[in-house]
Amino acid sequence: MNPPASQVAAKPADYVVGLDGMRGWAVIGVMLFHLQVNYYGWAGVQAFFVLSGFLITRILLRQTDAPLSGYLKNFYGRRSLRIFPIYYAYLLLLLLATALSATPPNVAPQLVYAFTYTYDFFHASEAFNHSRYLTHFWTLAVEEQFYLVWPLVLYLVSRSTLKKLLIGMVLAGPLIRYMTYQLAQDAPGLYSRTAAVVSVLPTSHMDAFAIGALLSMVTIRRPRLLFFVALATTFGCGYLHQQTLLYGPGFSWLDLGYPIFLPYGNQFVWGYSLINITSALLIACLLQGRFLPWLFNNRVLVYLGSISYGMYVLHFPILAILAGVVPSKGVMIVLNFSVTVALASLSFYLFERPIMRLKNRWFDDRSATEKPAH
């Protein structure tokens, strides 16, 4: 998902190693979910959304005193050099493979939505057809749409008003998801699995970005206690909800009470909120020093976090390719992780990092020398 702060030429003074460790766990969770080892790893996406809100807001608030044109030019220029190269390089390769009839027939009609960062809206439509080559890009579309809107909001809204706005967005999140679900049930042209429609639309995740943004403006007291309370509450609510559902599947250790899209008993209304709050409190813990260092400061996890964006882009298509030739699930898991890490590493060091070095040459480097978001 989001490219981390460590992926710049020099780490900023306030670089927090644990945030890369958190990214490492998040991308591992998503990969294990797609490998069908667990059914709760999708929550790593929510962690990425919250982290994006925190990091982007933190960096942009340091630049709002600049002229609007320079402010936007620097932000979008630096973001483009970080996000677009591997993303569009992959899509161009996929386009070539499609032209050579080397991909499934459902790939070609979906490419336009990936190229335009509108895959989330396509995912919500009745035309959607699952593809391991592209389906995971709905999350990147949601993030890109956040990038388009959020810099202007931060520039135009005062700090005092911004805090109130963020709190309002966090509180409104469950209501917006509920209203979206009600409207989507009978709306023509939408995907038949209504909870999935709610899950992929950008409005359903505005509270994730908002709570991350709010975290960049406030200091949380006793975050460790609050984190463990939130973690226990999240797990407890998932357990009780699935156990007491009349028509639900019952609790499963494979999904910890949080199956993908949270489709049962309106869980999508509050479930995302609990995951977002827990993610934000984890970030607060990591910001205040070493927190469970064997989990988040581990060198392997930190390294995986540093290349997590490339891993996210590449892991699902690699799985699609391997699925046709690897019969054993155990071998599949090992190969998918090995090939993904190897290719993401090569991409980062040989392709992405040289391009990233252009950021300071072409654009204002205040964000790089002070506190870069990504």
Protein backbone atom coordinates (compact mmCIF):
# COMPACT_ATOMS: atom_id res chain seq x y z
CA MET A 1 0.00 0.00 0.00
CA ASN A 2 1.35 3.37 1.02
CA PRO A 3 5.06 3.92 0.39
CA PRO A 4 6.70 4.55 3.76
CA ALA A 5 8.80 7.40 5.07
CA SER A 6 11.94 5.30 5.06
CA GLN A 7 11.89 5.16 1.28
CA VAL A 8 13.72 8.41 0.80
CA ALA A 9 17.42 9.09 0.40
CA ALA A 10 17.85 10.01 4.05
CA LYS A 11 15.55 9.23 6.94
CA PRO A 12 14.00 12.30 8.60
CA ALA A 13 14.87 13.29 12.14
CA ASP A 14 11.57 11.99 13.49
CA TYR A 15 11.55 8.71 11.54
CA VAL A 16 9.80 6.02 13.60
CA VAL A 17 11.13 2.58 12.78
CA GLY A 18 8.08 0.89 14.29
CA LEU A 19 5.82 2.36 11.61
CA ASP A 20 7.73 0.40 8.97
CA GLY A 21 7.32 -2.67 11.16
CA MET A 22 3.59 -1.98 11.27
CA ARG A 23 3.55 -1.76 7.47
CA GLY A 24 5.39 -5.06 7.29
CA TRP A 25 2.72 -6.78 9.36
CA ALA A 26 -0.05 -5.10 7.37
CA VAL A 27 1.24 -6.28 3.99
CA ILE A 28 1.87 -9.79 5.37
CA GLY A 29 -1.71 -9.85 6.63
CA VAL A 30 -3.07 -8.91 3.21
CA MET A 31 -0.91 -11.53 1.49
CA LEU A 32 -2.00 -14.26 3.91
CA PHE A 33 -5.60 -13.25 3.31
CA HIS A 34 -5.19 -13.61 -0.45
CA LEU A 35 -3.44 -16.93 0.10
CA GLN A 36 -6.49 -17.99 2.16
CA VAL A 37 -4.40 -18.73 5.22
CA ASN A 38 -6.55 -16.40 7.28
CA TYR A 39 -9.68 -14.38 6.59
CA TYR A 40 -8.94 -11.30 8.71
CA GLY A 41 -5.70 -10.17 7.04
CA TRP A 42 -7.73 -7.76 4.90
CA ALA A 43 -7.74 -5.48 7.98
CA GLY A 44 -4.18 -4.58 7.02
CA VAL A 45 -5.77 -2.34 4.38
CA GLN A 46 -7.55 -0.39 7.13
CA ALA A 47 -4.23 0.07 8.93
CA PHE A 48 -2.74 1.48 5.72
CA PHE A 49 -5.64 3.93 5.35
CA VAL A 50 -5.22 5.20 8.92
CA LEU A 51 -1.46 5.47 8.49
CA SER A 52 -1.94 7.41 5.25
CA GLY A 53 -4.21 9.90 6.99
CA PHE A 54 -1.63 10.40 9.73
CA LEU A 55 1.45 10.75 7.52
CA ILE A 56 -0.05 12.86 4.75
CA THR A 57 -1.64 15.27 7.20
CA ARG A 58 1.54 15.57 9.24
CA ILE A 59 3.60 16.58 6.24
CA LEU A 60 1.03 18.83 4.59
CA LEU A 61 0.36 20.86 7.72
CA ARG A 62 4.01 21.95 7.66
CA GLN A 63 3.60 23.43 4.20
CA THR A 64 0.28 25.29 4.32
CA ASP A 65 2.07 28.63 4.68
CA ALA A 66 3.40 28.29 1.12
CA PRO A 67 1.55 29.75 -1.91
CA LEU A 68 -1.20 27.39 -3.05
CA SER A 69 0.34 26.71 -6.46
CA GLY A 70 3.71 25.74 -4.97
CA TYR A 71 2.06 23.78 -2.18
CA LEU A 72 0.06 21.65 -4.62
CA LYS A 73 2.91 21.34 -7.12
CA ASN A 74 5.31 20.04 -4.47
CA PHE A 75 2.85 17.61 -2.98
CA TYR A 76 1.52 16.12 -6.20
CA GLY A 77 4.92 16.14 -7.87
CA ARG A 78 6.60 14.27 -5.03
CA ARG A 79 3.67 11.88 -4.67
CA SER A 80 3.65 11.12 -8.38
CA LEU A 81 7.35 10.27 -8.42
CA ARG A 82 6.80 7.86 -5.54
CA ILE A 83 3.52 6.21 -6.48
CA PHE A 84 3.26 6.17 -10.27
CA PRO A 85 6.47 4.47 -11.52
CA ILE A 86 5.94 0.91 -10.28
CA TYR A 87 2.16 1.18 -10.56
CA TYR A 88 2.08 2.26 -14.19
CA ALA A 89 5.07 0.10 -15.12
CA TYR A 90 3.08 -2.91 -13.93
CA LEU A 91 -0.05 -1.78 -15.78
CA LEU A 92 1.90 -1.26 -19.01
CA LEU A 93 3.35 -4.76 -18.73
CA LEU A 94 -0.14 -6.07 -18.10
CA LEU A 95 -1.44 -4.16 -21.11
CA LEU A 96 1.28 -5.75 -23.26
CA ALA A 97 0.46 -9.22 -21.90
CA THR A 98 -3.21 -8.60 -22.66
CA ALA A 99 -2.39 -7.57 -26.22
CA LEU A 100 -0.49 -10.85 -26.58
CA SER A 101 -3.51 -12.77 -25.19
CA ALA A 102 -1.44 -13.87 -22.19
CA THR A 103 -4.01 -12.82 -19.56
CA PRO A 104 -7.56 -13.95 -18.79
CA PRO A 105 -10.25 -12.28 -20.93
CA ASN A 106 -11.68 -10.30 -18.00
CA VAL A 107 -8.48 -8.26 -17.60
CA ALA A 108 -8.68 -6.06 -20.71
CA PRO A 109 -12.06 -4.40 -19.90
CA GLN A 110 -10.82 -3.55 -16.38
CA LEU A 111 -7.55 -1.88 -17.31
CA VAL A 112 -9.09 1.53 -17.98
CA TYR A 113 -10.32 1.70 -14.38
CA ALA A 114 -6.89 0.85 -13.02
CA PHE A 115 -5.16 3.40 -15.27
CA THR A 116 -7.57 6.14 -14.12
CA TYR A 117 -7.60 5.20 -10.41
CA THR A 118 -11.34 4.55 -10.53
CA TYR A 119 -11.18 0.82 -9.82
CA ASP A 120 -13.05 1.23 -6.53
CA PHE A 121 -16.12 2.52 -8.38
CA PHE A 122 -15.81 -0.26 -10.95
CA HIS A 123 -15.60 -2.76 -8.08
CA ALA A 124 -18.92 -1.42 -6.78
CA SER A 125 -20.64 -1.86 -10.16
CA GLU A 126 -22.48 -4.90 -11.49
CA ALA A 127 -19.84 -5.10 -14.25
CA PHE A 128 -17.21 -6.10 -11.67
CA ASN A 129 -15.49 -9.43 -12.21
CA HIS A 130 -12.79 -10.57 -9.80
CA SER A 131 -9.23 -10.62 -11.15
CA ARG A 132 -6.06 -11.35 -9.22
CA TYR A 133 -4.25 -9.09 -11.65
CA LEU A 134 -6.25 -5.98 -10.72
CA THR A 135 -8.85 -6.38 -7.97
CA HIS A 136 -6.54 -5.30 -5.15
CA PHE A 137 -6.12 -1.91 -6.85
CA TRP A 138 -9.44 -0.68 -5.47
CA THR A 139 -7.54 0.27 -2.31
CA LEU A 140 -4.99 2.31 -4.25
CA ALA A 141 -7.85 4.09 -6.01
CA VAL A 142 -9.35 5.04 -2.62
CA GLU A 143 -5.98 6.40 -1.48
CA GLU A 144 -5.42 8.37 -4.67
CA GLN A 145 -8.85 9.96 -4.35
CA PHE A 146 -7.92 10.92 -0.80
CA TYR A 147 -4.73 12.54 -2.12
CA LEU A 148 -6.73 14.56 -4.62
CA VAL A 149 -9.04 16.09 -2.02
CA TRP A 150 -7.14 16.25 1.25
CA PRO A 151 -4.37 18.78 0.42
CA LEU A 152 -7.01 21.39 -0.50
CA VAL A 153 -8.97 20.73 2.69
CA LEU A 154 -5.88 21.21 4.84
CA TYR A 155 -4.90 24.38 2.97
CA LEU A 156 -8.31 26.04 3.18
CA VAL A 157 -9.46 25.05 6.68
CA SER A 158 -8.03 26.61 9.86
CA ARG A 159 -6.39 24.36 12.44
CA SER A 160 -9.14 24.83 15.03
CA THR A 161 -11.86 24.11 12.49
CA LEU A 162 -9.89 21.18 11.11
CA LYS A 163 -9.96 19.34 14.44
CA LYS A 164 -13.74 19.73 14.65
CA LEU A 165 -14.09 18.58 11.05
CA LEU A 166 -11.98 15.49 11.70
CA ILE A 167 -13.93 14.55 14.81
CA GLY A 168 -17.14 14.98 12.83
CA MET A 169 -15.82 12.75 10.05
CA VAL A 170 -14.84 10.02 12.51
CA LEU A 171 -18.26 10.12 14.18
CA ALA A 172 -20.10 10.25 10.86
CA GLY A 173 -18.29 7.21 9.42
CA PRO A 174 -20.69 4.53 10.74
CA LEU A 175 -23.75 6.58 9.71
CA ILE A 176 -22.39 7.08 6.20
CA ARG A 177 -21.75 3.35 5.81
CA TYR A 178 -25.25 2.55 7.02
CA MET A 179 -26.84 5.08 4.65
CA THR A 180 -24.68 3.81 1.78
CA TYR A 181 -25.86 0.26 2.44
CA GLN A 182 -29.53 1.29 2.50
CA LEU A 183 -29.20 3.29 -0.71
CA ALA A 184 -27.21 0.58 -2.47
CA GLN A 185 -29.69 -2.22 -1.78
CA ASP A 186 -32.12 -1.11 -4.46
CA ALA A 187 -29.85 1.04 -6.62
CA PRO A 188 -29.56 -0.16 -10.23
CA GLY A 189 -26.17 -1.04 -11.67
CA LEU A 190 -24.47 -1.96 -8.39
CA TYR A 191 -22.77 -5.19 -7.38
CA SER A 192 -25.24 -7.65 -5.85
CA ARG A 193 -23.18 -8.09 -2.67
CA THR A 194 -24.20 -4.81 -1.07
CA ALA A 195 -21.78 -5.01 1.86
CA ALA A 196 -18.96 -5.26 -0.69
CA VAL A 197 -20.21 -2.07 -2.34
CA VAL A 198 -20.01 -0.31 1.01
CA SER A 199 -16.51 -1.67 1.59
CA VAL A 200 -14.93 -0.41 -1.63
CA LEU A 201 -16.43 3.08 -1.88
CA PRO A 202 -14.13 5.91 -0.72
CA THR A 203 -16.78 7.54 1.46
CA SER A 204 -16.86 4.42 3.63
CA HIS A 205 -13.23 4.98 4.65
CA MET A 206 -13.16 8.72 5.21
CA ASP A 207 -13.22 8.08 8.97
CA ALA A 208 -10.07 5.91 8.64
CA PHE A 209 -8.16 8.76 7.00
CA ALA A 210 -9.74 11.26 9.42
CA ILE A 211 -8.72 9.43 12.59
CA GLY A 212 -5.17 9.16 11.24
CA ALA A 213 -5.19 12.87 10.42
CA LEU A 214 -6.51 13.69 13.90
CA LEU A 215 -3.70 11.66 15.43
CA SER A 216 -1.18 13.94 13.70
CA MET A 217 -2.67 16.94 15.55
CA VAL A 218 -3.12 15.59 19.08
CA THR A 219 -1.11 13.71 21.68
CA ILE A 220 -2.67 10.57 23.13
CA ARG A 221 -2.06 10.01 26.84
CA ARG A 222 -1.44 6.43 27.94
CA PRO A 223 -1.78 5.06 24.40
CA ARG A 224 -0.57 1.60 25.37
CA LEU A 225 -3.41 1.04 27.83
CA LEU A 226 -5.92 2.44 25.37
CA PHE A 227 -4.53 0.26 22.58
CA PHE A 228 -4.92 -2.96 24.52
CA VAL A 229 -8.42 -1.92 25.63
CA ALA A 230 -9.33 -1.19 22.00
CA LEU A 231 -7.78 -4.46 20.82
CA ALA A 232 -9.72 -6.46 23.42
CA THR A 233 -12.92 -4.57 22.58
CA THR A 234 -12.48 -5.18 18.86
CA PHE A 235 -11.86 -8.89 19.34
CA GLY A 236 -14.64 -9.22 21.94
CA CYS A 237 -17.22 -7.48 19.77
CA GLY A 238 -16.27 -9.64 16.78
CA TYR A 239 -16.59 -12.79 18.88
CA LEU A 240 -19.92 -11.88 20.46
CA HIS A 241 -21.36 -10.60 17.19
CA GLN A 242 -20.59 -13.77 15.26
CA GLN A 243 -21.60 -16.06 18.13
CA THR A 244 -25.00 -14.46 18.60
CA LEU A 245 -25.99 -14.03 14.94
CA LEU A 246 -29.15 -15.91 14.08
CA TYR A 247 -28.26 -16.32 10.41
CA GLY A 248 -24.53 -15.71 10.49
CA PRO A 249 -21.74 -18.27 10.16
CA GLY A 250 -20.71 -18.27 13.83
CA PHE A 251 -17.31 -17.32 15.20
CA SER A 252 -14.25 -18.67 13.41
CA TRP A 253 -10.61 -18.37 14.40
CA LEU A 254 -9.82 -17.95 10.71
CA ASP A 255 -11.55 -14.57 10.57
CA LEU A 256 -11.57 -13.63 14.29
CA GLY A 257 -15.17 -12.51 13.86
CA TYR A 258 -14.34 -10.12 11.00
CA PRO A 259 -15.01 -11.79 7.63
CA ILE A 260 -14.25 -9.79 4.50
CA PHE A 261 -16.77 -6.97 3.83
CA LEU A 262 -18.33 -7.54 7.30
CA PRO A 263 -21.57 -8.64 5.64
CA TYR A 264 -23.50 -10.08 8.57
CA GLY A 265 -25.87 -8.19 10.85
CA ASN A 266 -24.75 -4.70 9.84
CA GLN A 267 -21.26 -5.31 11.22
CA PHE A 268 -19.90 -3.06 8.47
CA VAL A 269 -21.43 -0.10 10.33
CA TRP A 270 -19.22 -0.36 13.42
CA GLY A 271 -16.60 -2.98 12.55
CA TYR A 272 -14.46 -0.69 10.41
CA SER A 273 -14.59 1.96 13.13
CA LEU A 274 -13.20 -0.42 15.75
CA ILE A 275 -10.38 -1.53 13.45
CA ASN A 276 -9.57 2.09 12.57
CA ILE A 277 -9.45 3.17 16.22
CA THR A 278 -7.25 0.22 17.16
CA SER A 279 -4.90 1.02 14.25
CA ALA A 280 -4.67 4.68 15.28
CA LEU A 281 -3.85 3.75 18.87
CA LEU A 282 -1.17 1.35 17.66
CA ILE A 283 0.41 4.22 15.71
CA ALA A 284 0.24 6.37 18.85
CA CYS A 285 2.08 3.66 20.79
CA LEU A 286 4.78 3.39 18.15
CA LEU A 287 5.24 7.16 18.08
CA GLN A 288 6.02 7.29 21.79
CA GLY A 289 8.95 4.89 21.70
CA ARG A 290 9.78 1.23 21.52
CA PHE A 291 6.53 -0.72 21.66
CA LEU A 292 6.73 -4.52 21.48
CA PRO A 293 10.09 -4.19 19.69
CA TRP A 294 10.24 -7.88 18.80
CA LEU A 295 7.07 -7.31 16.76
CA PHE A 296 7.55 -3.86 15.27
CA ASN A 297 11.28 -3.12 15.41
CA ASN A 298 12.27 -6.49 14.03
CA ARG A 299 14.70 -5.97 11.14
CA VAL A 300 12.88 -8.35 8.83
CA LEU A 301 9.50 -6.68 9.41
CA VAL A 302 11.00 -3.21 9.09
CA TYR A 303 12.58 -4.17 5.77
CA LEU A 304 9.30 -5.62 4.49
CA GLY A 305 7.60 -2.41 5.55
CA SER A 306 10.13 -0.39 3.58
CA ILE A 307 9.23 -2.24 0.36
CA SER A 308 5.55 -2.79 1.25
CA TYR A 309 4.20 -0.69 -1.60
CA GLY A 310 5.91 -2.81 -4.23
CA MET A 311 4.89 -5.97 -2.39
CA TYR A 312 1.28 -4.86 -2.40
CA VAL A 313 1.28 -4.03 -6.11
CA LEU A 314 2.97 -7.27 -7.16
CA HIS A 315 1.87 -10.02 -4.75
CA PHE A 316 -1.59 -10.75 -6.19
CA PRO A 317 -0.57 -11.04 -9.86
CA ILE A 318 2.37 -13.20 -8.78
CA LEU A 319 -0.15 -15.41 -6.98
CA ALA A 320 -2.27 -15.53 -10.14
CA ILE A 321 0.71 -16.74 -12.17
CA LEU A 322 1.84 -19.30 -9.59
CA ALA A 323 -1.69 -20.65 -9.05
CA GLY A 324 -1.61 -22.32 -12.45
CA VAL A 325 1.62 -24.22 -11.87
CA VAL A 326 1.97 -24.84 -8.10
CA PRO A 327 -0.44 -27.46 -6.72
CA SER A 328 0.74 -27.46 -3.10
CA LYS A 329 -0.58 -24.72 -0.81
CA GLY A 330 2.49 -24.83 1.40
CA VAL A 331 4.82 -24.45 -1.58
CA MET A 332 2.54 -21.70 -2.91
CA ILE A 333 2.89 -19.69 0.32
CA VAL A 334 6.67 -19.95 0.32
CA LEU A 335 6.98 -19.13 -3.38
CA ASN A 336 4.53 -16.26 -3.29
CA PHE A 337 6.38 -14.57 -0.43
CA SER A 338 9.82 -15.31 -1.85
CA VAL A 339 9.10 -14.10 -5.38
CA THR A 340 7.17 -11.07 -4.15
CA VAL A 341 9.93 -9.92 -1.79
CA ALA A 342 12.61 -10.54 -4.42
CA LEU A 343 10.82 -8.61 -7.18
CA ALA A 344 9.73 -5.80 -4.85
CA SER A 345 13.33 -5.44 -3.64
CA LEU A 346 14.70 -5.32 -7.18
CA SER A 347 12.04 -2.82 -8.18
CA PHE A 348 12.77 -0.60 -5.21
CA TYR A 349 16.56 -0.49 -5.51
CA LEU A 350 16.92 -0.54 -9.30
CA PHE A 351 13.81 1.34 -10.45
CA GLU A 352 11.88 3.21 -7.75
CA ARG A 353 14.68 4.66 -5.64
CA PRO A 354 16.56 6.29 -8.55
CA ILE A 355 13.30 8.00 -9.54
CA MET A 356 12.64 9.07 -5.95
CA ARG A 357 15.97 10.90 -5.91
CA LEU A 358 14.50 13.30 -8.45
CA LYS A 359 12.01 14.57 -5.88
CA ASN A 360 14.46 16.89 -4.17
CA ARG A 361 15.89 18.02 -7.49
CA TRP A 362 12.58 18.94 -9.07
CA PHE A 363 10.47 19.98 -6.10
CA ASP A 364 10.74 21.86 -2.81
CA ASP A 365 12.62 19.55 -0.44
CA ARG A 366 11.27 20.88 2.87
CA SER A 367 9.20 17.76 3.28
CA ALA A 368 12.24 15.60 2.67
CA THR A 369 14.61 17.38 5.01
CA GLU A 370 12.07 17.83 7.79
CA LYS A 371 9.43 15.14 8.03
CA PRO A 372 8.50 13.38 4.84
CA ALA A 373 5.22 11.53 4.90
CA HIS A 374 6.22 8.82 2.47
